PDB file of N, CA and C in Angstrom:
ATOM      1  N   MET A   1      -5.040   2.646  -0.597  1.00  0.00           N
ATOM      2  CA  MET A   1      -4.421   2.142  -1.795  1.00  0.00           C
ATOM      3  C   MET A   1      -5.253   0.934  -2.283  1.00  0.00           C
ATOM      4  N   ALA A   2      -5.679   0.062  -1.484  1.00  0.00           N
ATOM      5  CA  ALA A   2      -6.468  -1.089  -1.845  1.00  0.00           C
ATOM      6  C   ALA A   2      -7.706  -0.734  -2.460  1.00  0.00           C
ATOM      7  N   VAL A   3      -8.339   0.341  -2.058  1.00  0.00           N
ATOM      8  CA  VAL A   3      -9.548   0.799  -2.656  1.00  0.00           C
ATOM      9  C   VAL A   3      -9.306   1.189  -4.114  1.00  0.00           C
ATOM     10  N   ASN A   4      -8.300   1.788  -4.426  1.00  0.00           N
ATOM     11  CA  ASN A   4      -7.958   2.156  -5.765  1.00  0.00           C
ATOM     12  C   ASN A   4      -7.751   0.911  -6.660  1.00  0.00           C
ATOM     13  N   VAL A   5      -7.037  -0.010  -6.176  1.00  0.00           N
ATOM     14  CA  VAL A   5      -6.779  -1.302  -6.846  1.00  0.00           C
ATOM     15  C   VAL A   5      -8.171  -1.918  -7.172  1.00  0.00           C
ATOM     16  N   ARG A   6      -9.112  -1.998  -6.100  1.00  0.00           N
ATOM     17  CA  ARG A   6     -10.417  -2.667  -6.421  1.00  0.00           C
ATOM     18  C   ARG A   6     -11.084  -1.815  -7.504  1.00  0.00           C
ATOM     19  N   GLU A   7     -11.059  -0.525  -7.494  1.00  0.00           N
ATOM     20  CA  GLU A   7     -11.741   0.312  -8.392  1.00  0.00           C
ATOM     21  C   GLU A   7     -11.260  -0.101  -9.906  1.00  0.00           C
ATOM     22  N   GLY A   8      -9.883  -0.231  -9.890  1.00  0.00           N
ATOM     23  CA  GLY A   8      -9.299  -0.646 -11.168  1.00  0.00           C
ATOM     24  C   GLY A   8      -9.727  -2.116 -11.623  1.00  0.00           C
ATOM     25  N   VAL A   9      -9.900  -2.860 -10.729  1.00  0.00           N
ATOM     26  CA  VAL A   9     -10.401  -4.270 -11.011  1.00  0.00           C
ATOM     27  C   VAL A   9     -11.891  -4.153 -11.501  1.00  0.00           C
ATOM     28  N   ASN A  10     -12.786  -3.359 -10.887  1.00  0.00           N
ATOM     29  CA  ASN A  10     -14.101  -3.218 -11.387  1.00  0.00           C
ATOM     30  C   ASN A  10     -14.159  -2.640 -12.629  1.00  0.00           C
ATOM     31  N   LYS A  11     -13.383  -1.632 -13.025  1.00  0.00           N
ATOM     32  CA  LYS A  11     -13.363  -1.051 -14.355  1.00  0.00           C
ATOM     33  C   LYS A  11     -12.986  -2.104 -15.348  1.00  0.00           C
ATOM     34  N   TYR A  12     -11.902  -2.914 -15.043  1.00  0.00           N
ATOM     35  CA  TYR A  12     -11.431  -3.928 -15.957  1.00  0.00           C
ATOM     36  C   TYR A  12     -12.504  -4.910 -16.202  1.00  0.00           C
ATOM     37  N   LEU A  13     -13.213  -5.397 -15.133  1.00  0.00           N
ATOM     38  CA  LEU A  13     -14.157  -6.446 -15.389  1.00  0.00           C
ATOM     39  C   LEU A  13     -15.379  -5.932 -16.053  1.00  0.00           C
ATOM     40  N   THR A  14     -15.781  -4.696 -15.895  1.00  0.00           N
ATOM     41  CA  THR A  14     -16.949  -4.042 -16.485  1.00  0.00           C
ATOM     42  C   THR A  14     -16.641  -3.860 -18.041  1.00  0.00           C
ATOM     43  N   PHE A  15     -15.472  -3.417 -18.363  1.00  0.00           N
ATOM     44  CA  PHE A  15     -15.180  -3.063 -19.705  1.00  0.00           C
ATOM     45  C   PHE A  15     -14.368  -4.015 -20.400  1.00  0.00           C
ATOM     46  N   LYS A  16     -14.104  -5.252 -19.821  1.00  0.00           N
ATOM     47  CA  LYS A  16     -13.260  -6.296 -20.400  1.00  0.00           C
ATOM     48  C   LYS A  16     -13.606  -6.668 -21.781  1.00  0.00           C
ATOM     49  N   TYR A  17     -14.907  -6.735 -22.016  1.00  0.00           N
ATOM     50  CA  TYR A  17     -15.409  -7.116 -23.354  1.00  0.00           C
ATOM     51  C   TYR A  17     -16.334  -5.950 -23.852  1.00  0.00           C
ATOM     52  N   PRO A  18     -16.264  -5.862 -25.222  1.00  0.00           N
ATOM     53  CA  PRO A  18     -17.155  -4.707 -25.758  1.00  0.00           C
ATOM     54  C   PRO A  18     -18.594  -5.122 -25.533  1.00  0.00           C
ATOM     55  N   HIS A  19     -19.365  -4.073 -25.213  1.00  0.00           N
ATOM     56  CA  HIS A  19     -20.854  -4.310 -25.089  1.00  0.00           C
ATOM     57  C   HIS A  19     -21.589  -3.900 -26.368  1.00  0.00           C
ATOM     58  N   LYS A  20     -22.572  -4.840 -26.726  1.00  0.00           N
ATOM     59  CA  LYS A  20     -23.236  -4.507 -27.960  1.00  0.00           C
ATOM     60  C   LYS A  20     -24.283  -3.495 -27.815  1.00  0.00           C
ATOM     61  N   ASN A  21     -24.729  -3.180 -26.590  1.00  0.00           N
ATOM     62  CA  ASN A  21     -25.670  -2.112 -26.359  1.00  0.00           C
ATOM     63  C   ASN A  21     -25.574  -1.584 -24.997  1.00  0.00           C
ATOM     64  N   ILE A  22     -26.337  -0.452 -24.636  1.00  0.00           N
ATOM     65  CA  ILE A  22     -26.355   0.160 -23.449  1.00  0.00           C
ATOM     66  C   ILE A  22     -26.931  -0.853 -22.296  1.00  0.00           C
ATOM     67  N   TYR A  23     -27.768  -1.748 -22.625  1.00  0.00           N
ATOM     68  CA  TYR A  23     -28.267  -2.567 -21.603  1.00  0.00           C
ATOM     69  C   TYR A  23     -27.404  -3.622 -21.166  1.00  0.00           C
ATOM     70  N   SER A  24     -26.471  -4.028 -22.094  1.00  0.00           N
ATOM     71  CA  SER A  24     -25.340  -4.990 -21.735  1.00  0.00           C
ATOM     72  C   SER A  24     -24.391  -4.242 -20.702  1.00  0.00           C
ATOM     73  N   LEU A  25     -24.034  -3.015 -21.141  1.00  0.00           N
ATOM     74  CA  LEU A  25     -23.137  -2.286 -20.190  1.00  0.00           C
ATOM     75  C   LEU A  25     -23.763  -1.994 -18.859  1.00  0.00           C
ATOM     76  N   LYS A  26     -25.092  -1.585 -18.806  1.00  0.00           N
ATOM     77  CA  LYS A  26     -25.624  -1.350 -17.559  1.00  0.00           C
ATOM     78  C   LYS A  26     -25.761  -2.645 -16.669  1.00  0.00           C
ATOM     79  N   ASN A  27     -25.996  -3.715 -17.314  1.00  0.00           N
ATOM     80  CA  ASN A  27     -25.959  -4.996 -16.597  1.00  0.00           C
ATOM     81  C   ASN A  27     -24.573  -5.321 -16.042  1.00  0.00           C
ATOM     82  N   ALA A  28     -23.594  -5.127 -16.743  1.00  0.00           N
ATOM     83  CA  ALA A  28     -22.133  -5.395 -16.271  1.00  0.00           C
ATOM     84  C   ALA A  28     -21.883  -4.402 -15.119  1.00  0.00           C
ATOM     85  N   ILE A  29     -22.265  -3.276 -15.177  1.00  0.00           N
ATOM     86  CA  ILE A  29     -22.036  -2.256 -14.061  1.00  0.00           C
ATOM     87  C   ILE A  29     -22.700  -2.743 -12.835  1.00  0.00           C
ATOM     88  N   ARG A  30     -24.048  -3.023 -13.081  1.00  0.00           N
ATOM     89  CA  ARG A  30     -24.868  -3.562 -11.869  1.00  0.00           C
ATOM     90  C   ARG A  30     -24.242  -4.844 -11.254  1.00  0.00           C
ATOM     91  N   GLN A  31     -23.850  -5.827 -12.063  1.00  0.00           N
ATOM     92  CA  GLN A  31     -23.051  -6.893 -11.554  1.00  0.00           C
ATOM     93  C   GLN A  31     -21.966  -6.541 -10.668  1.00  0.00           C
ATOM     94  N   GLU A  32     -21.085  -5.614 -11.118  1.00  0.00           N
ATOM     95  CA  GLU A  32     -19.892  -5.147 -10.371  1.00  0.00           C
ATOM     96  C   GLU A  32     -20.255  -4.424  -9.079  1.00  0.00           C
ATOM     97  N   ILE A  33     -21.253  -3.635  -9.160  1.00  0.00           N
ATOM     98  CA  ILE A  33     -21.772  -3.051  -7.976  1.00  0.00           C
ATOM     99  C   ILE A  33     -22.302  -3.994  -6.909  1.00  0.00           C
ATOM    100  N   ALA A  34     -22.891  -5.048  -7.428  1.00  0.00           N
ATOM    101  CA  ALA A  34     -23.478  -6.122  -6.448  1.00  0.00           C
ATOM    102  C   ALA A  34     -22.317  -6.884  -5.723  1.00  0.00           C
ATOM    103  N   ASN A  35     -21.112  -6.832  -6.420  1.00  0.00           N
ATOM    104  CA  ASN A  35     -19.860  -7.545  -5.969  1.00  0.00           C
ATOM    105  C   ASN A  35     -19.123  -6.775  -4.933  1.00  0.00           C
ATOM    106  N   VAL A  36     -19.533  -5.552  -4.722  1.00  0.00           N
ATOM    107  CA  VAL A  36     -18.698  -4.729  -3.762  1.00  0.00           C
ATOM    108  C   VAL A  36     -19.052  -5.112  -2.372  1.00  0.00           C
ATOM    109  N   THR A  37     -18.177  -5.457  -1.522  1.00  0.00           N
ATOM    110  CA  THR A  37     -18.451  -5.972  -0.141  1.00  0.00           C
ATOM    111  C   THR A  37     -18.723  -4.789   0.710  1.00  0.00           C
ATOM    112  N   GLN A  38     -19.244  -5.136   1.927  1.00  0.00           N
ATOM    113  CA  GLN A  38     -19.477  -4.136   2.952  1.00  0.00           C
ATOM    114  C   GLN A  38     -18.137  -3.688   3.546  1.00  0.00           C
ATOM    115  N   ASP A  39     -17.141  -4.588   3.638  1.00  0.00           N
ATOM    116  CA  ASP A  39     -15.834  -4.145   3.998  1.00  0.00           C
ATOM    117  C   ASP A  39     -15.215  -3.065   3.065  1.00  0.00           C
ATOM    118  N   THR A  40     -15.396  -3.159   1.769  1.00  0.00           N
ATOM    119  CA  THR A  40     -14.926  -2.270   0.844  1.00  0.00           C
ATOM    120  C   THR A  40     -15.625  -0.913   0.980  1.00  0.00           C
ATOM    121  N   VAL A  41     -16.837  -0.922   1.255  1.00  0.00           N
ATOM    122  CA  VAL A  41     -17.562   0.341   1.485  1.00  0.00           C
ATOM    123  C   VAL A  41     -17.130   1.010   2.723  1.00  0.00           C
ATOM    124  N   ARG A  42     -16.914   0.140   3.864  1.00  0.00           N
ATOM    125  CA  ARG A  42     -16.427   0.754   5.038  1.00  0.00           C
ATOM    126  C   ARG A  42     -15.072   1.417   4.796  1.00  0.00           C
ATOM    127  N   ARG A  43     -14.234   0.640   4.146  1.00  0.00           N
ATOM    128  CA  ARG A  43     -12.756   1.251   3.827  1.00  0.00           C
ATOM    129  C   ARG A  43     -12.822   2.519   3.065  1.00  0.00           C
ATOM    130  N   VAL A  44     -13.745   2.570   1.939  1.00  0.00           N
ATOM    131  CA  VAL A  44     -13.860   3.664   1.228  1.00  0.00           C
ATOM    132  C   VAL A  44     -14.416   4.892   2.055  1.00  0.00           C
ATOM    133  N   MET A  45     -15.359   4.707   2.841  1.00  0.00           N
ATOM    134  CA  MET A  45     -15.912   5.680   3.758  1.00  0.00           C
ATOM    135  C   MET A  45     -14.874   6.208   4.656  1.00  0.00           C
ATOM    136  N   ALA A  46     -14.049   5.306   5.188  1.00  0.00           N
ATOM    137  CA  ALA A  46     -12.986   5.756   6.139  1.00  0.00           C
ATOM    138  C   ALA A  46     -11.964   6.691   5.358  1.00  0.00           C
ATOM    139  N   SER A  47     -11.571   6.294   4.230  1.00  0.00           N
ATOM    140  CA  SER A  47     -10.720   6.937   3.326  1.00  0.00           C
ATOM    141  C   SER A  47     -11.270   8.386   3.115  1.00  0.00           C
ATOM    142  N   VAL A  48     -12.473   8.411   2.696  1.00  0.00           N
ATOM    143  CA  VAL A  48     -13.108   9.683   2.331  1.00  0.00           C
ATOM    144  C   VAL A  48     -13.085  10.575   3.640  1.00  0.00           C
ATOM    145  N   LEU A  49     -13.468  10.126   4.780  1.00  0.00           N
ATOM    146  CA  LEU A  49     -13.496  10.916   5.944  1.00  0.00           C
ATOM    147  C   LEU A  49     -12.096  11.409   6.272  1.00  0.00           C
ATOM    148  N   GLY A  50     -11.122  10.523   6.159  1.00  0.00           N
ATOM    149  CA  GLY A  50      -9.776  10.955   6.236  1.00  0.00           C
ATOM    150  C   GLY A  50      -9.359  12.106   5.334  1.00  0.00           C
ATOM    151  N   ARG A  51      -9.693  11.956   4.031  1.00  0.00           N
ATOM    152  CA  ARG A  51      -9.441  12.938   3.122  1.00  0.00           C
ATOM    153  C   ARG A  51     -10.080  14.360   3.525  1.00  0.00           C
ATOM    154  N   TRP A  52     -11.324  14.293   3.914  1.00  0.00           N
ATOM    155  CA  TRP A  52     -12.081  15.445   4.191  1.00  0.00           C
ATOM    156  C   TRP A  52     -11.276  16.120   5.428  1.00  0.00           C
ATOM    157  N   GLN A  53     -10.907  15.267   6.414  1.00  0.00           N
ATOM    158  CA  GLN A  53     -10.121  15.984   7.468  1.00  0.00           C
ATOM    159  C   GLN A  53      -8.815  16.543   7.021  1.00  0.00           C
ATOM    160  N   GLN A  54      -8.130  15.918   6.195  1.00  0.00           N
ATOM    161  CA  GLN A  54      -6.882  16.438   5.596  1.00  0.00           C
ATOM    162  C   GLN A  54      -7.200  17.806   4.853  1.00  0.00           C
ATOM    163  N   CYS A  55      -8.282  17.849   4.270  1.00  0.00           N
ATOM    164  CA  CYS A  55      -8.687  19.125   3.384  1.00  0.00           C
ATOM    165  C   CYS A  55      -8.896  20.172   4.498  1.00  0.00           C
ATOM    166  N   LEU A  56      -9.719  19.975   5.596  1.00  0.00           N
ATOM    167  CA  LEU A  56      -9.918  20.901   6.557  1.00  0.00           C
ATOM    168  C   LEU A  56      -8.649  21.332   7.228  1.00  0.00           C
ATOM    169  N   ASP A  57      -7.739  20.454   7.558  1.00  0.00           N
ATOM    170  CA  ASP A  57      -6.429  20.749   8.113  1.00  0.00           C
ATOM    171  C   ASP A  57      -5.579  21.768   7.275  1.00  0.00           C
ATOM    172  N   CYS A  58      -5.825  21.669   5.945  1.00  0.00           N
ATOM    173  CA  CYS A  58      -5.058  22.431   4.954  1.00  0.00           C
ATOM    174  C   CYS A  58      -5.988  23.724   4.741  1.00  0.00           C
ATOM    175  N   HIS A  59      -7.042  23.816   5.445  1.00  0.00           N
ATOM    176  CA  HIS A  59      -7.940  24.973   5.102  1.00  0.00           C
ATOM    177  C   HIS A  59      -8.405  25.074   3.615  1.00  0.00           C
ATOM    178  N   GLY A  60      -8.607  23.903   3.093  1.00  0.00           N
ATOM    179  CA  GLY A  60      -9.162  23.815   1.698  1.00  0.00           C
ATOM    180  C   GLY A  60      -8.106  23.885   0.651  1.00  0.00           C
ATOM    181  N   GLY A  61      -6.824  23.792   1.153  1.00  0.00           N
ATOM    182  CA  GLY A  61      -5.679  23.913   0.144  1.00  0.00           C
ATOM    183  C   GLY A  61      -5.347  22.504  -0.451  1.00  0.00           C
ATOM    184  N   HIS A  62      -4.314  22.432  -1.097  1.00  0.00           N
ATOM    185  CA  HIS A  62      -3.848  21.099  -1.761  1.00  0.00           C
ATOM    186  C   HIS A  62      -3.469  20.158  -0.669  1.00  0.00           C
ATOM    187  N   LEU A  63      -3.826  18.906  -0.955  1.00  0.00           N
ATOM    188  CA  LEU A  63      -3.382  17.795  -0.140  1.00  0.00           C
ATOM    189  C   LEU A  63      -1.902  17.492  -0.619  1.00  0.00           C
ATOM    190  N   GLN A  64      -1.121  17.189   0.418  1.00  0.00           N
ATOM    191  CA  GLN A  64       0.262  16.899   0.195  1.00  0.00           C
ATOM    192  C   GLN A  64       0.589  15.716  -0.754  1.00  0.00           C
ATOM    193  N   ASP A  65      -0.208  14.669  -0.599  1.00  0.00           N
ATOM    194  CA  ASP A  65       0.053  13.517  -1.363  1.00  0.00           C
ATOM    195  C   ASP A  65      -0.590  13.497  -2.714  1.00  0.00           C
ATOM    196  N   VAL A  66      -1.269  14.511  -3.099  1.00  0.00           N
ATOM    197  CA  VAL A  66      -1.913  14.568  -4.367  1.00  0.00           C
ATOM    198  C   VAL A  66      -1.116  15.285  -5.417  1.00  0.00           C
ATOM    199  N   VAL A  67      -0.814  14.530  -6.497  1.00  0.00           N
ATOM    200  CA  VAL A  67       0.016  15.053  -7.571  1.00  0.00           C
ATOM    201  C   VAL A  67      -0.945  15.321  -8.794  1.00  0.00           C
ATOM    202  N   LEU A  68      -1.024  16.585  -9.095  1.00  0.00           N
ATOM    203  CA  LEU A  68      -1.830  17.014 -10.270  1.00  0.00           C
ATOM    204  C   LEU A  68      -1.052  17.146 -11.564  1.00  0.00           C
ATOM    205  N   LYS A  69      -1.597  16.400 -12.554  1.00  0.00           N
ATOM    206  CA  LYS A  69      -0.780  16.561 -13.753  1.00  0.00           C
ATOM    207  C   LYS A  69      -1.615  17.415 -14.735  1.00  0.00           C
ATOM    208  N   THR A  70      -0.870  18.153 -15.433  1.00  0.00           N
ATOM    209  CA  THR A  70      -1.543  19.038 -16.397  1.00  0.00           C
ATOM    210  C   THR A  70      -1.089  18.728 -17.874  1.00  0.00           C
TER     211      THR A  70
END
């Protein structure tokens, strides 16, 4: 859950102000990437590995805690 919150924070900070050109946007994205800590990367990787295992356990079916909206 904390990983998703951080992702939202990154999006908020990156797109907080309108960018005048693509270079400004790229710079904002690079700055946010530079702010990602090693701890965050470790938690994301652990989450991904856990999700992969859940997918394998479900034989590729739907994960129980995922709600798909149509």
